[in-house]
Amino acid sequence: MSAELADTWHRPPDEGYFADDLDRIPGLPSHTELIDGSLVVVSPQKRFHMMALRLLENALTRLAPEDRFVVSREMSVVLGARQRPEPDLLVVHANAEIDLDATWYPADAVVLAVEVVSPDSEERDRRRKPTLYAEAGIKYFWRVEDVAGRMVVYAYELDPATAKYVPVGIFHDRLSLAYPFEIEIDLTVIDKSGPLRG
């Protein structure tokens, strides 16, 4: 990787970028993803995005059996040579062999990927990333939408026969699922005053 790359990363090489490049490009903005060999720079997020993530992260951390699962964020997932997205939230196997210096998880470590849709990421979060997660064998996927300031969770499970996600529910006020573990989350908390708005 040449020294000039720090100033020219926004102009990809002819062959595009590879997953390992994300750890070697100096000056790359935080949370940059690699999708189809192209770098995707994340825009500043709205308050809803942060509040939805905080609600889900806290709830999943509380509910996940800690001997089996770990809830994580700000880590990318290597899905292939040219695919390294960064889901907003992840649930990974507790026994996944990841050292403390790692910046990414392998796809087979991930049980659940969660994306909170933002205006600049609608196409990626609704179409491209779920396709990539399914093709990589990630069993569960949730898409979180802001519907007039209210949190709606679209939950999917991988159909092994088709390697595509099938919907298992649309949740408006309460998220209630039995997999990957027992989950009960009051989604209306995002509408109430309290620590989420602090």
Protein backbone atom coordinates (compact mmCIF):
# COMPACT_ATOMS: atom_id res chain seq x y z
CA MET A 1 0.00 0.00 0.00
CA SER A 2 1.66 3.26 -1.06
CA ALA A 3 2.02 6.35 1.12
CA GLU A 4 -0.05 8.36 -1.36
CA LEU A 5 -3.05 6.13 -0.67
CA ALA A 6 -3.90 8.25 2.38
CA ASP A 7 -4.82 11.09 0.03
CA THR A 8 -6.28 9.03 -2.80
CA TRP A 9 -8.35 6.28 -1.14
CA HIS A 10 -11.52 7.83 -2.62
CA ARG A 11 -10.20 6.86 -6.08
CA PRO A 12 -10.22 3.04 -6.04
CA PRO A 13 -7.64 0.96 -7.87
CA ASP A 14 -8.77 -0.68 -11.11
CA GLU A 15 -9.36 -4.01 -9.35
CA GLY A 16 -11.27 -2.35 -6.47
CA TYR A 17 -10.50 -2.81 -2.81
CA PHE A 18 -10.24 -6.03 -0.81
CA ALA A 19 -11.36 -6.78 2.76
CA ASP A 20 -7.82 -6.61 4.16
CA ASP A 21 -7.31 -3.13 2.69
CA LEU A 22 -9.60 -1.56 5.30
CA ASP A 23 -6.97 -2.19 7.97
CA ARG A 24 -4.14 -0.74 5.89
CA ILE A 25 -5.50 2.47 4.37
CA PRO A 26 -4.29 5.42 6.47
CA GLY A 27 -6.75 8.23 7.14
CA LEU A 28 -9.84 6.19 6.24
CA PRO A 29 -12.95 7.65 7.94
CA SER A 30 -14.41 5.67 10.83
CA HIS A 31 -17.03 3.04 10.00
CA THR A 32 -16.06 2.85 6.33
CA GLU A 33 -17.50 -0.31 4.78
CA LEU A 34 -16.47 -2.35 1.78
CA ILE A 35 -19.33 -3.46 -0.46
CA ASP A 36 -18.67 -5.07 -3.83
CA GLY A 37 -15.07 -3.85 -3.74
CA SER A 38 -16.07 -0.21 -3.23
CA LEU A 39 -15.57 1.87 -0.10
CA VAL A 40 -18.76 3.23 1.47
CA VAL A 41 -18.29 6.17 3.83
CA VAL A 42 -21.03 6.48 6.43
CA SER A 43 -22.80 9.83 6.82
CA PRO A 44 -23.41 11.38 10.26
CA GLN A 45 -26.31 9.56 11.91
CA LYS A 46 -29.58 11.03 13.18
CA ARG A 47 -30.58 10.91 16.83
CA PHE A 48 -33.15 8.17 16.11
CA HIS A 49 -30.35 5.93 14.88
CA MET A 50 -28.37 6.31 18.12
CA MET A 51 -31.44 5.86 20.31
CA ALA A 52 -32.60 2.74 18.47
CA LEU A 53 -29.12 1.23 18.68
CA ARG A 54 -28.80 1.99 22.37
CA LEU A 55 -32.19 0.45 23.13
CA LEU A 56 -31.42 -2.74 21.19
CA GLU A 57 -27.84 -3.08 22.42
CA ASN A 58 -28.83 -2.71 26.07
CA ALA A 59 -31.79 -5.10 25.75
CA LEU A 60 -29.89 -7.77 23.80
CA THR A 61 -26.94 -7.59 26.20
CA ARG A 62 -29.33 -8.14 29.10
CA LEU A 63 -31.23 -10.99 27.38
CA ALA A 64 -28.46 -12.93 25.61
CA PRO A 65 -27.19 -15.99 27.51
CA GLU A 66 -23.63 -14.81 28.16
CA ASP A 67 -22.17 -18.29 27.94
CA ARG A 68 -23.44 -18.54 24.35
CA PHE A 69 -23.59 -15.06 22.82
CA VAL A 70 -21.86 -11.66 22.83
CA VAL A 71 -23.47 -8.43 21.63
CA SER A 72 -21.07 -6.23 19.68
CA ARG A 73 -20.98 -3.06 17.58
CA GLU A 74 -18.49 -1.00 15.58
CA MET A 75 -16.98 -4.17 14.14
CA SER A 76 -17.12 -5.17 10.50
CA VAL A 77 -17.78 -8.65 9.14
CA VAL A 78 -15.73 -10.22 6.37
CA LEU A 79 -18.23 -11.91 4.06
CA GLY A 80 -15.87 -12.40 1.11
CA ALA A 81 -12.76 -11.00 -0.54
CA ARG A 82 -14.56 -7.77 -1.56
CA GLN A 83 -17.27 -7.65 1.09
CA ARG A 84 -16.71 -6.18 4.54
CA PRO A 85 -19.81 -4.35 5.78
CA GLU A 86 -20.21 -3.02 9.31
CA PRO A 87 -23.64 -3.92 10.69
CA ASP A 88 -25.01 -1.46 13.23
CA LEU A 89 -25.27 -4.23 15.81
CA LEU A 90 -24.14 -7.85 15.97
CA VAL A 91 -24.78 -10.90 18.07
CA VAL A 92 -21.87 -13.34 17.79
CA HIS A 93 -21.09 -16.76 19.21
CA ALA A 94 -19.34 -16.36 22.57
CA ASN A 95 -16.81 -19.03 21.60
CA ALA A 96 -15.81 -17.31 18.35
CA GLU A 97 -12.03 -17.09 18.24
CA ILE A 98 -11.50 -13.33 18.01
CA ASP A 99 -8.51 -11.68 19.65
CA LEU A 100 -8.58 -8.24 21.27
CA ASP A 101 -6.75 -6.62 18.33
CA ALA A 102 -9.30 -7.84 15.76
CA THR A 103 -11.21 -5.24 13.74
CA TRP A 104 -13.63 -7.70 12.13
CA TYR A 105 -15.53 -10.93 12.66
CA PRO A 106 -15.67 -13.84 10.24
CA ALA A 107 -19.19 -14.46 8.92
CA ASP A 108 -19.49 -17.80 10.70
CA ALA A 109 -19.08 -16.06 14.08
CA VAL A 110 -22.21 -13.95 13.50
CA VAL A 111 -25.66 -15.13 14.59
CA LEU A 112 -27.63 -11.89 14.09
CA ALA A 113 -26.91 -8.76 12.07
CA VAL A 114 -28.95 -5.61 12.72
CA GLU A 115 -29.18 -2.57 10.45
CA VAL A 116 -30.88 0.68 11.44
CA VAL A 117 -31.94 2.30 8.18
CA SER A 118 -30.79 5.87 7.51
CA PRO A 119 -31.75 8.06 4.54
CA ASP A 120 -28.34 7.57 2.90
CA SER A 121 -28.33 3.80 3.49
CA GLU A 122 -31.87 2.76 2.50
CA GLU A 123 -30.88 0.85 -0.62
CA ARG A 124 -27.94 -0.90 1.07
CA ASP A 125 -29.79 -1.74 4.30
CA ARG A 126 -33.00 -2.90 2.63
CA ARG A 127 -31.56 -4.81 -0.32
CA ARG A 128 -27.83 -5.27 -0.81
CA LYS A 129 -26.63 -5.97 2.73
CA PRO A 130 -29.38 -8.51 3.57
CA THR A 131 -28.50 -10.36 0.36
CA LEU A 132 -24.83 -10.43 1.33
CA TYR A 133 -25.58 -11.55 4.90
CA ALA A 134 -27.84 -14.33 3.64
CA GLU A 135 -25.31 -15.53 1.07
CA ALA A 136 -22.69 -15.66 3.86
CA GLY A 137 -24.98 -17.85 5.98
CA ILE A 138 -25.80 -15.40 8.80
CA LYS A 139 -28.93 -16.98 10.24
CA TYR A 140 -30.85 -13.93 11.52
CA PHE A 141 -31.22 -10.38 10.23
CA TRP A 142 -33.20 -7.43 11.59
CA ARG A 143 -33.92 -4.20 9.75
CA VAL A 144 -34.97 -1.28 11.95
CA GLU A 145 -36.96 1.59 10.45
CA ASP A 146 -38.02 5.01 11.72
CA VAL A 147 -41.74 5.24 10.97
CA ALA A 148 -42.88 8.72 12.01
CA GLY A 149 -40.49 8.67 14.96
CA ARG A 150 -41.53 5.19 16.05
CA MET A 151 -39.31 2.16 15.92
CA VAL A 152 -40.37 -0.74 13.69
CA VAL A 153 -38.31 -3.95 13.52
CA TYR A 154 -38.52 -6.27 10.51
CA ALA A 155 -37.11 -9.67 11.53
CA TYR A 156 -35.87 -12.34 9.11
CA GLU A 157 -34.52 -15.87 9.32
CA LEU A 158 -32.38 -17.65 6.75
CA ASP A 159 -34.10 -20.39 4.76
CA PRO A 160 -31.33 -22.96 4.23
CA ALA A 161 -33.02 -24.38 1.13
CA THR A 162 -32.91 -21.08 -0.75
CA ALA A 163 -30.11 -19.24 1.13
CA LYS A 164 -32.48 -16.25 1.33
CA TYR A 165 -34.13 -14.51 4.24
CA VAL A 166 -37.80 -15.07 4.96
CA PRO A 167 -39.77 -12.69 7.20
CA VAL A 168 -40.64 -13.94 10.69
CA GLY A 169 -42.40 -10.80 11.89
CA ILE A 170 -42.90 -7.06 11.81
CA PHE A 171 -42.80 -5.55 15.29
CA HIS A 172 -44.21 -2.11 16.13
CA ASP A 173 -44.55 -1.85 19.91
CA ARG A 174 -43.00 -5.04 21.30
CA LEU A 175 -40.33 -7.24 19.77
CA SER A 176 -41.06 -10.84 20.76
CA LEU A 177 -38.97 -13.69 19.33
CA ALA A 178 -37.79 -17.12 20.47
CA TYR A 179 -34.64 -17.16 18.33
CA PRO A 180 -31.66 -16.87 18.47
CA PHE A 181 -32.73 -16.74 22.17
CA GLU A 182 -35.81 -15.58 24.07
CA ILE A 183 -36.28 -11.91 23.24
CA GLU A 184 -38.88 -9.49 24.63
CA ILE A 185 -38.16 -5.80 24.03
CA ASP A 186 -40.51 -2.85 24.56
CA LEU A 187 -39.89 -0.75 21.44
CA THR A 188 -42.04 2.13 22.71
CA VAL A 189 -39.30 3.05 25.20
CA ILE A 190 -37.73 5.03 22.37
CA ASP A 191 -40.81 7.34 22.51
CA LYS A 192 -40.56 8.07 26.23
CA SER A 193 -38.46 10.54 28.14
CA GLY A 194 -35.66 9.03 30.18
CA PRO A 195 -32.10 7.82 29.76
CA LEU A 196 -32.44 7.20 26.01
CA ARG A 197 -33.04 10.89 25.45
CA GLY A 198 -30.38 12.05 27.91
